[in-house]
Amino acid sequence: RRTGRSARMLYEVLGDIWVVQRNPYLQDDLLDNPGRRKLLVDALHHRLGEVQKRRQPQASSERDALVGQLLALAGQAVARFDTQFDAIAALRRKAGT
């Protein structure tokens, strides 16, 4: 069942984003450690890349189109997740001055 593995990876990506956004301690840690944040974002992109590799357009073009849309939206979510840290850091600098 290839679909199950891809779905699980997608849930991991979205779950990781959800957990970090709702945990201020994790946010603080990722703000204080840009290298760790980069590793997390790279891992999220890697998982999405693995789902991309598993696509089978020859099996069903309609299903493949839906998977493509889902991957595009998940990629946008990862990009927003990454850029939100810059906004959070700017707000914290502004509040600290």
Protein backbone atom coordinates (compact mmCIF):
# COMPACT_ATOMS: atom_id res chain seq x y z
CA ARG A 1 0.00 0.00 0.00
CA ARG A 2 1.94 2.95 -1.25
CA THR A 3 -0.89 5.35 -0.55
CA GLY A 4 -0.69 4.68 3.18
CA ARG A 5 2.99 5.57 3.41
CA SER A 6 2.55 8.82 1.47
CA ALA A 7 -0.45 9.81 3.56
CA ARG A 8 1.49 9.10 6.74
CA MET A 9 4.38 11.31 5.58
CA LEU A 10 1.97 14.11 4.71
CA TYR A 11 0.34 13.82 8.14
CA GLU A 12 3.80 13.98 9.73
CA VAL A 13 4.59 17.21 7.88
CA LEU A 14 1.32 18.86 8.83
CA GLY A 15 1.51 17.47 12.38
CA ASP A 16 5.00 18.84 12.94
CA ILE A 17 3.88 22.27 11.81
CA TRP A 18 0.80 22.09 14.05
CA VAL A 19 2.80 21.05 17.12
CA VAL A 20 5.42 23.78 16.75
CA GLN A 21 2.84 26.50 16.11
CA ARG A 22 1.03 25.62 19.32
CA ASN A 23 4.06 25.23 21.57
CA PRO A 24 5.81 28.49 22.52
CA TYR A 25 8.75 26.56 24.00
CA LEU A 26 9.44 24.86 20.68
CA GLN A 27 9.04 28.19 18.89
CA ASP A 28 11.57 29.78 21.25
CA ASP A 29 13.99 26.93 20.68
CA LEU A 30 13.69 27.21 16.89
CA LEU A 31 14.07 30.99 17.06
CA ASP A 32 17.20 30.65 19.18
CA ASN A 33 18.65 27.92 16.96
CA PRO A 34 18.33 28.84 13.27
CA GLY A 35 20.35 25.77 12.31
CA ARG A 36 17.87 23.49 14.03
CA ARG A 37 15.00 25.34 12.36
CA LYS A 38 16.65 24.87 8.97
CA LEU A 39 17.03 21.15 9.65
CA LEU A 40 13.33 20.90 10.52
CA VAL A 41 12.21 22.78 7.42
CA ASP A 42 14.56 20.71 5.26
CA ALA A 43 13.10 17.53 6.76
CA LEU A 44 9.58 18.74 5.99
CA HIS A 45 10.57 19.45 2.38
CA HIS A 46 12.29 16.06 2.18
CA ARG A 47 9.10 14.25 3.25
CA LEU A 48 7.10 16.14 0.65
CA GLY A 49 9.74 15.19 -1.92
CA GLU A 50 9.37 11.54 -0.98
CA VAL A 51 5.61 11.77 -1.52
CA GLN A 52 6.33 13.40 -4.88
CA LYS A 53 8.56 10.46 -5.83
CA ARG A 54 5.76 8.00 -5.04
CA ARG A 55 3.29 9.64 -7.40
CA GLN A 56 1.99 7.37 -10.13
CA PRO A 57 0.40 9.49 -12.86
CA GLN A 58 -0.03 6.47 -15.12
CA ALA A 59 -2.36 4.79 -12.57
CA SER A 60 -4.93 7.59 -12.47
CA SER A 61 -4.50 11.05 -13.91
CA GLU A 62 -7.39 12.42 -11.83
CA ARG A 63 -5.92 11.09 -8.60
CA ASP A 64 -2.46 12.32 -9.59
CA ALA A 65 -3.86 15.81 -10.17
CA LEU A 66 -5.38 15.80 -6.68
CA VAL A 67 -2.10 14.60 -5.17
CA GLY A 68 -0.31 17.39 -7.04
CA GLN A 69 -2.68 19.99 -5.60
CA LEU A 70 -2.24 18.54 -2.13
CA LEU A 71 1.54 18.63 -2.43
CA ALA A 72 1.46 22.21 -3.68
CA LEU A 73 -0.69 23.31 -0.74
CA ALA A 74 1.48 21.42 1.73
CA GLY A 75 4.57 23.07 0.21
CA GLN A 76 2.96 26.47 0.68
CA ALA A 77 2.18 25.58 4.31
CA VAL A 78 5.83 24.67 4.91
CA ALA A 79 6.97 27.93 3.30
CA ARG A 80 4.58 29.97 5.48
CA PHE A 81 5.74 28.02 8.53
CA ASP A 82 9.36 28.88 7.74
CA THR A 83 8.73 32.59 7.10
CA GLN A 84 6.58 33.03 10.20
CA PHE A 85 9.72 32.75 12.35
CA ASP A 86 11.12 35.91 10.80
CA ALA A 87 7.87 37.71 11.62
CA ILE A 88 7.86 36.39 15.19
CA ALA A 89 11.49 37.47 15.69
CA ALA A 90 10.71 40.95 14.34
CA LEU A 91 7.72 41.30 16.67
CA ARG A 92 9.78 40.22 19.63
CA ARG A 93 12.54 42.70 18.77
CA LYS A 94 9.94 45.45 18.43
CA ALA A 95 8.33 44.54 21.76
CA GLY A 96 11.74 44.41 23.47
CA THR A 97 12.68 47.96 22.50
